[in-house]
PDB file of N, CA and C in Angstrom:
ATOM      1  N   MET A   1     -22.730  13.941 -40.070  1.00  0.00           N
ATOM      2  CA  MET A   1     -21.384  13.701 -40.535  1.00  0.00           C
ATOM      3  C   MET A   1     -21.356  13.410 -42.038  1.00  0.00           C
ATOM      4  N   GLU A   2     -22.338  12.596 -42.476  1.00  0.00           N
ATOM      5  CA  GLU A   2     -22.411  12.283 -43.906  1.00  0.00           C
ATOM      6  C   GLU A   2     -22.716  13.535 -44.719  1.00  0.00           C
ATOM      7  N   LEU A   3     -23.533  14.394 -44.178  1.00  0.00           N
ATOM      8  CA  LEU A   3     -23.873  15.641 -44.867  1.00  0.00           C
ATOM      9  C   LEU A   3     -22.636  16.519 -45.030  1.00  0.00           C
ATOM     10  N   LEU A   4     -21.797  16.547 -44.029  1.00  0.00           N
ATOM     11  CA  LEU A   4     -20.560  17.326 -44.098  1.00  0.00           C
ATOM     12  C   LEU A   4     -19.631  16.791 -45.189  1.00  0.00           C
ATOM     13  N   VAL A   5     -19.528  15.490 -45.311  1.00  0.00           N
ATOM     14  CA  VAL A   5     -18.698  14.874 -46.352  1.00  0.00           C
ATOM     15  C   VAL A   5     -19.267  15.190 -47.732  1.00  0.00           C
ATOM     16  N   ILE A   6     -20.571  15.132 -47.874  1.00  0.00           N
ATOM     17  CA  ILE A   6     -21.219  15.443 -49.157  1.00  0.00           C
ATOM     18  C   ILE A   6     -20.993  16.904 -49.527  1.00  0.00           C
ATOM     19  N   LEU A   7     -21.153  17.809 -48.573  1.00  0.00           N
ATOM     20  CA  LEU A   7     -20.933  19.229 -48.847  1.00  0.00           C
ATOM     21  C   LEU A   7     -19.474  19.512 -49.193  1.00  0.00           C
ATOM     22  N   ALA A   8     -18.550  18.862 -48.514  1.00  0.00           N
ATOM     23  CA  ALA A   8     -17.129  19.036 -48.830  1.00  0.00           C
ATOM     24  C   ALA A   8     -16.819  18.509 -50.226  1.00  0.00           C
ATOM     25  N   SER A   9     -17.424  17.392 -50.594  1.00  0.00           N
ATOM     26  CA  SER A   9     -17.220  16.828 -51.936  1.00  0.00           C
ATOM     27  C   SER A   9     -17.771  17.749 -53.012  1.00  0.00           C
ATOM     28  N   ILE A  10     -18.929  18.325 -52.768  1.00  0.00           N
ATOM     29  CA  ILE A  10     -19.526  19.262 -53.729  1.00  0.00           C
ATOM     30  C   ILE A  10     -18.659  20.506 -53.854  1.00  0.00           C
ATOM     31  N   GLY A  11     -18.156  21.006 -52.739  1.00  0.00           N
ATOM     32  CA  GLY A  11     -17.272  22.173 -52.774  1.00  0.00           C
ATOM     33  C   GLY A  11     -15.991  21.892 -53.539  1.00  0.00           C
ATOM     34  N   LEU A  12     -15.402  20.732 -53.320  1.00  0.00           N
ATOM     35  CA  LEU A  12     -14.187  20.352 -54.039  1.00  0.00           C
ATOM     36  C   LEU A  12     -14.460  20.202 -55.532  1.00  0.00           C
ATOM     37  N   LEU A  13     -15.578  19.605 -55.888  1.00  0.00           N
ATOM     38  CA  LEU A  13     -15.953  19.457 -57.292  1.00  0.00           C
ATOM     39  C   LEU A  13     -16.164  20.817 -57.946  1.00  0.00           C
ATOM     40  N   ALA A  14     -16.826  21.731 -57.251  1.00  0.00           N
ATOM     41  CA  ALA A  14     -17.038  23.079 -57.791  1.00  0.00           C
ATOM     42  C   ALA A  14     -15.709  23.801 -57.990  1.00  0.00           C
ATOM     43  N   PHE A  15     -14.796  23.649 -57.057  1.00  0.00           N
ATOM     44  CA  PHE A  15     -13.478  24.276 -57.186  1.00  0.00           C
ATOM     45  C   PHE A  15     -12.723  23.735 -58.395  1.00  0.00           C
ATOM     46  N   VAL A  16     -12.704  22.425 -58.555  1.00  0.00           N
ATOM     47  CA  VAL A  16     -11.998  21.803 -59.686  1.00  0.00           C
ATOM     48  C   VAL A  16     -12.621  22.233 -61.006  1.00  0.00           C
ATOM     49  N   LEU A  17     -13.936  22.247 -61.080  1.00  0.00           N
ATOM     50  CA  LEU A  17     -14.603  22.690 -62.307  1.00  0.00           C
ATOM     51  C   LEU A  17     -14.269  24.136 -62.628  1.00  0.00           C
ATOM     52  N   ASN A  18     -14.307  24.990 -61.633  1.00  0.00           N
ATOM     53  CA  ASN A  18     -14.051  26.416 -61.841  1.00  0.00           C
ATOM     54  C   ASN A  18     -12.603  26.685 -62.234  1.00  0.00           C
ATOM     55  N   GLN A  19     -11.670  25.960 -61.670  1.00  0.00           N
ATOM     56  CA  GLN A  19     -10.252  26.221 -61.916  1.00  0.00           C
ATOM     57  C   GLN A  19      -9.714  25.555 -63.173  1.00  0.00           C
ATOM     58  N   TYR A  20     -10.208  24.364 -63.485  1.00  0.00           N
ATOM     59  CA  TYR A  20      -9.561  23.580 -64.534  1.00  0.00           C
ATOM     60  C   TYR A  20     -10.440  23.243 -65.731  1.00  0.00           C
ATOM     61  N   VAL A  21     -11.727  23.108 -65.557  1.00  0.00           N
ATOM     62  CA  VAL A  21     -12.585  22.675 -66.658  1.00  0.00           C
ATOM     63  C   VAL A  21     -13.235  23.850 -67.366  1.00  0.00           C
ATOM     64  N   LEU A  22     -13.862  24.743 -66.657  1.00  0.00           N
ATOM     65  CA  LEU A  22     -14.602  25.841 -67.277  1.00  0.00           C
ATOM     66  C   LEU A  22     -13.748  26.790 -68.107  1.00  0.00           C
ATOM     67  N   PRO A  23     -12.511  27.105 -67.726  1.00  0.00           N
ATOM     68  CA  PRO A  23     -11.723  27.991 -68.589  1.00  0.00           C
ATOM     69  C   PRO A  23     -11.530  27.456 -70.003  1.00  0.00           C
ATOM     70  N   TYR A  24     -11.537  26.149 -70.183  1.00  0.00           N
ATOM     71  CA  TYR A  24     -11.403  25.600 -71.529  1.00  0.00           C
ATOM     72  C   TYR A  24     -12.642  25.866 -72.370  1.00  0.00           C
ATOM     73  N   ASN A  25     -13.786  26.068 -71.740  1.00  0.00           N
ATOM     74  CA  ASN A  25     -15.013  26.306 -72.492  1.00  0.00           C
ATOM     75  C   ASN A  25     -15.017  27.661 -73.179  1.00  0.00           C
ATOM     76  N   TYR A  26     -14.392  28.656 -72.619  1.00  0.00           N
ATOM     77  CA  TYR A  26     -14.433  29.982 -73.235  1.00  0.00           C
ATOM     78  C   TYR A  26     -13.091  30.415 -73.803  1.00  0.00           C
ATOM     79  N   LEU A  27     -12.157  29.511 -73.915  1.00  0.00           N
ATOM     80  CA  LEU A  27     -10.860  29.806 -74.519  1.00  0.00           C
ATOM     81  C   LEU A  27     -10.693  28.914 -75.740  1.00  0.00           C
ATOM     82  N   LYS A  28     -10.635  29.549 -76.899  1.00  0.00           N
ATOM     83  CA  LYS A  28     -10.560  28.796 -78.153  1.00  0.00           C
ATOM     84  C   LYS A  28      -9.206  29.017 -78.811  1.00  0.00           C
ATOM     85  N   LYS A  29      -8.666  27.980 -79.416  1.00  0.00           N
ATOM     86  CA  LYS A  29      -7.383  28.087 -80.117  1.00  0.00           C
ATOM     87  C   LYS A  29      -7.625  28.712 -81.487  1.00  0.00           C
ATOM     88  N   ILE A  30      -6.689  29.566 -81.905  1.00  0.00           N
ATOM     89  CA  ILE A  30      -6.780  30.214 -83.209  1.00  0.00           C
ATOM     90  C   ILE A  30      -5.424  30.101 -83.897  1.00  0.00           C
ATOM     91  N   ASP A  31      -5.451  29.970 -85.194  1.00  0.00           N
ATOM     92  CA  ASP A  31      -4.230  29.877 -85.984  1.00  0.00           C
ATOM     93  C   ASP A  31      -3.634  31.270 -86.169  1.00  0.00           C
ATOM     94  N   GLN A  32      -2.323  31.376 -86.114  1.00  0.00           N
ATOM     95  CA  GLN A  32      -1.662  32.683 -86.210  1.00  0.00           C
ATOM     96  C   GLN A  32      -1.925  33.376 -87.535  1.00  0.00           C
ATOM     97  N   GLN A  33      -2.098  32.623 -88.607  1.00  0.00           N
ATOM     98  CA  GLN A  33      -2.315  33.234 -89.915  1.00  0.00           C
ATOM     99  C   GLN A  33      -3.691  33.875 -90.039  1.00  0.00           C
ATOM    100  N   SER A  34      -4.635  33.468 -89.225  1.00  0.00           N
ATOM    101  CA  SER A  34      -5.984  34.030 -89.337  1.00  0.00           C
ATOM    102  C   SER A  34      -6.199  35.257 -88.452  1.00  0.00           C
ATOM    103  N   ILE A  35      -5.169  35.715 -87.768  1.00  0.00           N
ATOM    104  CA  ILE A  35      -5.289  36.892 -86.904  1.00  0.00           C
ATOM    105  C   ILE A  35      -5.067  38.150 -87.733  1.00  0.00           C
ATOM    106  N   ASN A  36      -6.055  39.038 -87.724  1.00  0.00           N
ATOM    107  CA  ASN A  36      -5.884  40.341 -88.384  1.00  0.00           C
ATOM    108  C   ASN A  36      -6.227  41.456 -87.401  1.00  0.00           C
ATOM    109  N   ASP A  37      -5.664  42.630 -87.640  1.00  0.00           N
ATOM    110  CA  ASP A  37      -5.819  43.753 -86.708  1.00  0.00           C
ATOM    111  C   ASP A  37      -7.229  44.315 -86.681  1.00  0.00           C
ATOM    112  N   ASP A  38      -7.984  44.133 -87.744  1.00  0.00           N
ATOM    113  CA  ASP A  38      -9.319  44.718 -87.811  1.00  0.00           C
ATOM    114  C   ASP A  38     -10.314  44.019 -86.894  1.00  0.00           C
ATOM    115  N   ARG A  39     -10.109  42.747 -86.664  1.00  0.00           N
ATOM    116  CA  ARG A  39     -11.094  41.968 -85.925  1.00  0.00           C
ATOM    117  C   ARG A  39     -10.688  41.674 -84.476  1.00  0.00           C
ATOM    118  N   TYR A  40      -9.391  41.693 -84.190  1.00  0.00           N
ATOM    119  CA  TYR A  40      -8.906  41.239 -82.886  1.00  0.00           C
ATOM    120  C   TYR A  40      -8.026  42.268 -82.190  1.00  0.00           C
ATOM    121  N   CYS A  41      -8.095  42.261 -80.870  1.00  0.00           N
ATOM    122  CA  CYS A  41      -7.094  42.920 -80.028  1.00  0.00           C
ATOM    123  C   CYS A  41      -6.149  41.804 -79.581  1.00  0.00           C
ATOM    124  N   VAL A  42      -4.883  41.943 -79.903  1.00  0.00           N
ATOM    125  CA  VAL A  42      -3.904  40.899 -79.606  1.00  0.00           C
ATOM    126  C   VAL A  42      -3.104  41.315 -78.378  1.00  0.00           C
ATOM    127  N   ILE A  43      -3.105  40.466 -77.360  1.00  0.00           N
ATOM    128  CA  ILE A  43      -2.400  40.737 -76.112  1.00  0.00           C
ATOM    129  C   ILE A  43      -1.397  39.621 -75.867  1.00  0.00           C
ATOM    130  N   ASP A  44      -0.158  40.004 -75.718  1.00  0.00           N
ATOM    131  CA  ASP A  44       0.920  39.068 -75.433  1.00  0.00           C
ATOM    132  C   ASP A  44       1.102  39.027 -73.921  1.00  0.00           C
ATOM    133  N   VAL A  45       0.757  37.907 -73.294  1.00  0.00           N
ATOM    134  CA  VAL A  45       0.824  37.808 -71.834  1.00  0.00           C
ATOM    135  C   VAL A  45       2.128  37.168 -71.353  1.00  0.00           C
ATOM    136  N   ARG A  46       3.090  37.019 -72.248  1.00  0.00           N
ATOM    137  CA  ARG A  46       4.407  36.518 -71.839  1.00  0.00           C
ATOM    138  C   ARG A  46       5.156  37.621 -71.093  1.00  0.00           C
ATOM    139  N   ASP A  47       6.223  37.244 -70.404  1.00  0.00           N
ATOM    140  CA  ASP A  47       7.008  38.256 -69.697  1.00  0.00           C
ATOM    141  C   ASP A  47       7.722  39.152 -70.705  1.00  0.00           C
ATOM    142  N   TYR A  48       8.232  40.275 -70.216  1.00  0.00           N
ATOM    143  CA  TYR A  48       8.854  41.270 -71.094  1.00  0.00           C
ATOM    144  C   TYR A  48      10.035  40.703 -71.884  1.00  0.00           C
ATOM    145  N   VAL A  49      10.840  39.870 -71.250  1.00  0.00           N
ATOM    146  CA  VAL A  49      12.030  39.330 -71.911  1.00  0.00           C
ATOM    147  C   VAL A  49      11.633  38.421 -73.074  1.00  0.00           C
ATOM    148  N   SER A  50      10.707  37.520 -72.847  1.00  0.00           N
ATOM    149  CA  SER A  50      10.262  36.613 -73.914  1.00  0.00           C
ATOM    150  C   SER A  50       9.610  37.374 -75.051  1.00  0.00           C
ATOM    151  N   ALA A  51       8.798  38.360 -74.716  1.00  0.00           N
ATOM    152  CA  ALA A  51       8.124  39.143 -75.752  1.00  0.00           C
ATOM    153  C   ALA A  51       9.113  39.989 -76.545  1.00  0.00           C
ATOM    154  N   HIS A  52      10.176  40.437 -75.889  1.00  0.00           N
ATOM    155  CA  HIS A  52      11.184  41.235 -76.587  1.00  0.00           C
ATOM    156  C   HIS A  52      12.043  40.369 -77.516  1.00  0.00           C
ATOM    157  N   ARG A  53      12.358  39.170 -77.060  1.00  0.00           N
ATOM    158  CA  ARG A  53      13.207  38.279 -77.867  1.00  0.00           C
ATOM    159  C   ARG A  53      12.485  37.751 -79.100  1.00  0.00           C
ATOM    160  N   SER A  54      11.217  37.446 -78.967  1.00  0.00           N
ATOM    161  CA  SER A  54      10.451  36.968 -80.128  1.00  0.00           C
ATOM    162  C   SER A  54       9.105  37.687 -80.152  1.00  0.00           C
ATOM    163  N   PRO A  55       9.084  38.923 -80.637  1.00  0.00           N
ATOM    164  CA  PRO A  55       7.850  39.707 -80.623  1.00  0.00           C
ATOM    165  C   PRO A  55       6.779  39.119 -81.538  1.00  0.00           C
ATOM    166  N   PHE A  56       5.553  39.264 -81.103  1.00  0.00           N
ATOM    167  CA  PHE A  56       4.409  38.831 -81.905  1.00  0.00           C
ATOM    168  C   PHE A  56       3.880  40.062 -82.632  1.00  0.00           C
ATOM    169  N   PRO A  57       3.677  39.979 -83.940  1.00  0.00           N
ATOM    170  CA  PRO A  57       3.247  41.158 -84.706  1.00  0.00           C
ATOM    171  C   PRO A  57       1.935  41.744 -84.189  1.00  0.00           C
ATOM    172  N   SER A  58       1.899  43.026 -84.051  1.00  0.00           N
ATOM    173  CA  SER A  58       0.728  43.827 -83.656  1.00  0.00           C
ATOM    174  C   SER A  58       0.171  43.488 -82.278  1.00  0.00           C
ATOM    175  N   ALA A  59       0.963  42.868 -81.421  1.00  0.00           N
ATOM    176  CA  ALA A  59       0.489  42.527 -80.079  1.00  0.00           C
ATOM    177  C   ALA A  59       0.961  43.555 -79.069  1.00  0.00           C
ATOM    178  N   GLU A  60       0.096  43.834 -78.116  1.00  0.00           N
ATOM    179  CA  GLU A  60       0.474  44.678 -76.979  1.00  0.00           C
ATOM    180  C   GLU A  60       0.948  43.749 -75.869  1.00  0.00           C
ATOM    181  N   ASN A  61       2.146  43.970 -75.366  1.00  0.00           N
ATOM    182  CA  ASN A  61       2.690  43.114 -74.326  1.00  0.00           C
ATOM    183  C   ASN A  61       2.217  43.584 -72.961  1.00  0.00           C
ATOM    184  N   ILE A  62       1.394  42.761 -72.327  1.00  0.00           N
ATOM    185  CA  ILE A  62       0.965  42.973 -70.947  1.00  0.00           C
ATOM    186  C   ILE A  62       1.248  41.657 -70.223  1.00  0.00           C
ATOM    187  N   PRO A  63       2.363  41.568 -69.490  1.00  0.00           N
ATOM    188  CA  PRO A  63       2.679  40.311 -68.803  1.00  0.00           C
ATOM    189  C   PRO A  63       1.550  39.879 -67.876  1.00  0.00           C
ATOM    190  N   LEU A  64       1.441  38.594 -67.714  1.00  0.00           N
ATOM    191  CA  LEU A  64       0.350  38.018 -66.934  1.00  0.00           C
ATOM    192  C   LEU A  64       0.274  38.601 -65.530  1.00  0.00           C
ATOM    193  N   SER A  65       1.412  38.874 -64.923  1.00  0.00           N
ATOM    194  CA  SER A  65       1.411  39.425 -63.566  1.00  0.00           C
ATOM    195  C   SER A  65       0.886  40.859 -63.519  1.00  0.00           C
ATOM    196  N   TYR A  66       0.940  41.576 -64.638  1.00  0.00           N
ATOM    197  CA  TYR A  66       0.450  42.953 -64.699  1.00  0.00           C
ATOM    198  C   TYR A  66      -0.968  43.049 -65.272  1.00  0.00           C
ATOM    199  N   LEU A  67      -1.508  41.952 -65.741  1.00  0.00           N
ATOM    200  CA  LEU A  67      -2.797  41.978 -66.430  1.00  0.00           C
ATOM    201  C   LEU A  67      -3.960  42.475 -65.567  1.00  0.00           C
ATOM    202  N   PRO A  68      -4.104  42.056 -64.317  1.00  0.00           N
ATOM    203  CA  PRO A  68      -5.239  42.573 -63.535  1.00  0.00           C
ATOM    204  C   PRO A  68      -5.235  44.097 -63.422  1.00  0.00           C
ATOM    205  N   ARG A  69      -4.071  44.676 -63.187  1.00  0.00           N
ATOM    206  CA  ARG A  69      -3.976  46.130 -63.076  1.00  0.00           C
ATOM    207  C   ARG A  69      -4.258  46.801 -64.420  1.00  0.00           C
ATOM    208  N   ALA A  70      -3.736  46.238 -65.497  1.00  0.00           N
ATOM    209  CA  ALA A  70      -3.962  46.813 -66.826  1.00  0.00           C
ATOM    210  C   ALA A  70      -5.435  46.746 -67.213  1.00  0.00           C
ATOM    211  N   LEU A  71      -6.117  45.688 -66.823  1.00  0.00           N
ATOM    212  CA  LEU A  71      -7.546  45.581 -67.127  1.00  0.00           C
ATOM    213  C   LEU A  71      -8.348  46.634 -66.373  1.00  0.00           C
ATOM    214  N   LYS A  72      -7.927  46.944 -65.159  1.00  0.00           N
ATOM    215  CA  LYS A  72      -8.622  47.969 -64.375  1.00  0.00           C
ATOM    216  C   LYS A  72      -8.343  49.371 -64.888  1.00  0.00           C
ATOM    217  N   GLU A  73      -7.080  49.648 -65.195  1.00  0.00           N
ATOM    218  CA  GLU A  73      -6.669  51.023 -65.458  1.00  0.00           C
ATOM    219  C   GLU A  73      -6.788  51.470 -66.901  1.00  0.00           C
ATOM    220  N   ARG A  74      -6.342  50.647 -67.837  1.00  0.00           N
ATOM    221  CA  ARG A  74      -6.176  51.215 -69.167  1.00  0.00           C
ATOM    222  C   ARG A  74      -6.665  50.362 -70.319  1.00  0.00           C
ATOM    223  N   PHE A  75      -6.967  49.119 -70.115  1.00  0.00           N
ATOM    224  CA  PHE A  75      -7.288  48.271 -71.257  1.00  0.00           C
ATOM    225  C   PHE A  75      -8.768  48.367 -71.597  1.00  0.00           C
ATOM    226  N   ASP A  76      -9.040  48.750 -72.829  1.00  0.00           N
ATOM    227  CA  ASP A  76     -10.418  48.824 -73.305  1.00  0.00           C
ATOM    228  C   ASP A  76     -10.425  48.397 -74.769  1.00  0.00           C
ATOM    229  N   CYS A  77     -11.117  47.352 -75.067  1.00  0.00           N
ATOM    230  CA  CYS A  77     -11.155  46.845 -76.435  1.00  0.00           C
ATOM    231  C   CYS A  77     -12.552  46.311 -76.721  1.00  0.00           C
ATOM    232  N   SER A  78     -13.130  46.752 -77.810  1.00  0.00           N
ATOM    233  CA  SER A  78     -14.465  46.294 -78.185  1.00  0.00           C
ATOM    234  C   SER A  78     -14.408  45.115 -79.150  1.00  0.00           C
ATOM    235  N   LYS A  79     -13.208  44.722 -79.545  1.00  0.00           N
ATOM    236  CA  LYS A  79     -13.047  43.611 -80.488  1.00  0.00           C
ATOM    237  C   LYS A  79     -12.889  42.298 -79.728  1.00  0.00           C
ATOM    238  N   GLU A  80     -12.797  41.209 -80.491  1.00  0.00           N
ATOM    239  CA  GLU A  80     -12.499  39.926 -79.887  1.00  0.00           C
ATOM    240  C   GLU A  80     -11.035  39.918 -79.442  1.00  0.00           C
ATOM    241  N   ILE A  81     -10.725  39.121 -78.443  1.00  0.00           N
ATOM    242  CA  ILE A  81      -9.400  39.111 -77.832  1.00  0.00           C
ATOM    243  C   ILE A  81      -8.624  37.872 -78.276  1.00  0.00           C
ATOM    244  N   VAL A  82      -7.355  38.075 -78.615  1.00  0.00           N
ATOM    245  CA  VAL A  82      -6.434  36.963 -78.855  1.00  0.00           C
ATOM    246  C   VAL A  82      -5.299  37.087 -77.851  1.00  0.00           C
ATOM    247  N   LEU A  83      -5.074  36.030 -77.098  1.00  0.00           N
ATOM    248  CA  LEU A  83      -3.993  35.989 -76.121  1.00  0.00           C
ATOM    249  C   LEU A  83      -2.817  35.220 -76.706  1.00  0.00           C
ATOM    250  N   VAL A  84      -1.643  35.784 -76.591  1.00  0.00           N
ATOM    251  CA  VAL A  84      -0.417  35.115 -77.022  1.00  0.00           C
ATOM    252  C   VAL A  84       0.304  34.673 -75.757  1.00  0.00           C
ATOM    253  N   SER A  85       0.601  33.379 -75.679  1.00  0.00           N
ATOM    254  CA  SER A  85       1.233  32.851 -74.477  1.00  0.00           C
ATOM    255  C   SER A  85       2.203  31.739 -74.847  1.00  0.00           C
ATOM    256  N   ASP A  86       3.110  31.433 -73.916  1.00  0.00           N
ATOM    257  CA  ASP A  86       4.034  30.320 -74.130  1.00  0.00           C
ATOM    258  C   ASP A  86       3.337  28.979 -73.969  1.00  0.00           C
ATOM    259  N   ASP A  87       2.312  28.951 -73.136  1.00  0.00           N
ATOM    260  CA  ASP A  87       1.605  27.702 -72.890  1.00  0.00           C
ATOM    261  C   ASP A  87       0.121  27.962 -72.658  1.00  0.00           C
ATOM    262  N   VAL A  88      -0.642  26.902 -72.672  1.00  0.00           N
ATOM    263  CA  VAL A  88      -2.088  27.017 -72.507  1.00  0.00           C
ATOM    264  C   VAL A  88      -2.438  27.478 -71.099  1.00  0.00           C
ATOM    265  N   ARG A  89      -1.647  27.093 -70.134  1.00  0.00           N
ATOM    266  CA  ARG A  89      -1.929  27.462 -68.743  1.00  0.00           C
ATOM    267  C   ARG A  89      -1.959  28.976 -68.557  1.00  0.00           C
ATOM    268  N   GLY A  90      -0.960  29.675 -69.100  1.00  0.00           N
ATOM    269  CA  GLY A  90      -0.932  31.133 -68.993  1.00  0.00           C
ATOM    270  C   GLY A  90      -2.105  31.778 -69.704  1.00  0.00           C
ATOM    271  N   ALA A  91      -2.456  31.250 -70.865  1.00  0.00           N
ATOM    272  CA  ALA A  91      -3.601  31.783 -71.603  1.00  0.00           C
ATOM    273  C   ALA A  91      -4.893  31.536 -70.842  1.00  0.00           C
ATOM    274  N   ARG A  92      -4.993  30.389 -70.199  1.00  0.00           N
ATOM    275  CA  ARG A  92      -6.201  30.066 -69.439  1.00  0.00           C
ATOM    276  C   ARG A  92      -6.358  30.999 -68.239  1.00  0.00           C
ATOM    277  N   ILE A  93      -5.270  31.298 -67.562  1.00  0.00           N
ATOM    278  CA  ILE A  93      -5.322  32.216 -66.417  1.00  0.00           C
ATOM    279  C   ILE A  93      -5.721  33.613 -66.884  1.00  0.00           C
ATOM    280  N   ALA A  94      -5.120  34.072 -67.979  1.00  0.00           N
ATOM    281  CA  ALA A  94      -5.458  35.394 -68.519  1.00  0.00           C
ATOM    282  C   ALA A  94      -6.910  35.440 -68.974  1.00  0.00           C
ATOM    283  N   ALA A  95      -7.377  34.374 -69.608  1.00  0.00           N
ATOM    284  CA  ALA A  95      -8.767  34.334 -70.072  1.00  0.00           C
ATOM    285  C   ALA A  95      -9.740  34.395 -68.904  1.00  0.00           C
ATOM    286  N   LYS A  96      -9.371  33.760 -67.823  1.00  0.00           N
ATOM    287  CA  LYS A  96     -10.234  33.791 -66.636  1.00  0.00           C
ATOM    288  C   LYS A  96     -10.355  35.214 -66.091  1.00  0.00           C
ATOM    289  N   MET A  97      -9.241  35.948 -66.079  1.00  0.00           N
ATOM    290  CA  MET A  97      -9.278  37.347 -65.635  1.00  0.00           C
ATOM    291  C   MET A  97     -10.132  38.188 -66.580  1.00  0.00           C
ATOM    292  N   MET A  98     -10.008  37.939 -67.859  1.00  0.00           N
ATOM    293  CA  MET A  98     -10.723  38.746 -68.852  1.00  0.00           C
ATOM    294  C   MET A  98     -12.216  38.439 -68.859  1.00  0.00           C
ATOM    295  N   ARG A  99     -12.584  37.210 -68.535  1.00  0.00           N
ATOM    296  CA  ARG A  99     -14.004  36.870 -68.469  1.00  0.00           C
ATOM    297  C   ARG A  99     -14.700  37.665 -67.369  1.00  0.00           C
ATOM    298  N   LYS A 100     -13.972  37.972 -66.314  1.00  0.00           N
ATOM    299  CA  LYS A 100     -14.556  38.781 -65.242  1.00  0.00           C
ATOM    300  C   LYS A 100     -14.879  40.186 -65.722  1.00  0.00           C
ATOM    301  N   LYS A 101     -14.171  40.643 -66.762  1.00  0.00           N
ATOM    302  CA  LYS A 101     -14.423  41.967 -67.344  1.00  0.00           C
ATOM    303  C   LYS A 101     -15.431  41.901 -68.487  1.00  0.00           C
ATOM    304  N   LYS A 102     -16.056  40.756 -68.667  1.00  0.00           N
ATOM    305  CA  LYS A 102     -17.137  40.563 -69.643  1.00  0.00           C
ATOM    306  C   LYS A 102     -16.688  40.561 -71.100  1.00  0.00           C
ATOM    307  N   PHE A 103     -15.445  40.197 -71.364  1.00  0.00           N
ATOM    308  CA  PHE A 103     -15.041  39.993 -72.749  1.00  0.00           C
ATOM    309  C   PHE A 103     -15.642  38.674 -73.205  1.00  0.00           C
ATOM    310  N   LYS A 104     -16.283  38.684 -74.364  1.00  0.00           N
ATOM    311  CA  LYS A 104     -17.024  37.503 -74.784  1.00  0.00           C
ATOM    312  C   LYS A 104     -16.160  36.468 -75.486  1.00  0.00           C
ATOM    313  N   SER A 105     -15.576  36.808 -76.605  1.00  0.00           N
ATOM    314  CA  SER A 105     -14.808  35.834 -77.378  1.00  0.00           C
ATOM    315  C   SER A 105     -13.323  36.001 -77.092  1.00  0.00           C
ATOM    316  N   ILE A 106     -12.737  34.964 -76.532  1.00  0.00           N
ATOM    317  CA  ILE A 106     -11.319  34.996 -76.198  1.00  0.00           C
ATOM    318  C   ILE A 106     -10.646  33.800 -76.864  1.00  0.00           C
ATOM    319  N   TYR A 107      -9.616  34.089 -77.627  1.00  0.00           N
ATOM    320  CA  TYR A 107      -8.859  33.063 -78.333  1.00  0.00           C
ATOM    321  C   TYR A 107      -7.425  33.088 -77.824  1.00  0.00           C
ATOM    322  N   TYR A 108      -6.686  32.036 -78.121  1.00  0.00           N
ATOM    323  CA  TYR A 108      -5.268  32.048 -77.773  1.00  0.00           C
ATOM    324  C   TYR A 108      -4.459  31.408 -78.887  1.00  0.00           C
ATOM    325  N   THR A 109      -3.214  31.789 -78.939  1.00  0.00           N
ATOM    326  CA  THR A 109      -2.250  31.170 -79.835  1.00  0.00           C
ATOM    327  C   THR A 109      -0.932  31.066 -79.092  1.00  0.00           C
ATOM    328  N   ARG A 110      -0.165  30.071 -79.452  1.00  0.00           N
ATOM    329  CA  ARG A 110       1.141  29.890 -78.812  1.00  0.00           C
ATOM    330  C   ARG A 110       2.184  30.708 -79.538  1.00  0.00           C
ATOM    331  N   ALA A 111       3.056  31.316 -78.783  1.00  0.00           N
ATOM    332  CA  ALA A 111       4.157  32.077 -79.374  1.00  0.00           C
ATOM    333  C   ALA A 111       5.203  31.105 -79.896  1.00  0.00           C
ATOM    334  N   CYS A 112       5.827  31.473 -80.972  1.00  0.00           N
ATOM    335  CA  CYS A 112       6.869  30.600 -81.563  1.00  0.00           C
ATOM    336  C   CYS A 112       8.181  30.783 -80.861  1.00  0.00           C
TER     337      CYS A 112
END
């Protein structure tokens, strides 16, 4: 019985680390002024309406809900990635999807 409790605790700890702690390790904040087209692929993961109302310069709008399909079908970038999002949570979710595709450096910035 004690072994079952220990295994459940380890499983819960692994889940929490994977969902909430580890994404912060590979997602770095970047200032909007330091983003240039030569070094970064800029992806706006906000919904279409938000991206249309306040567009981010040189960003490709791929809403978060469409990102898994876009990564499979058409997205290919050899540069570092910058994610534009309304909040850190959306950027963290997108970064987690992109890490599965082996993108190494992933940054985020908040949309104004």
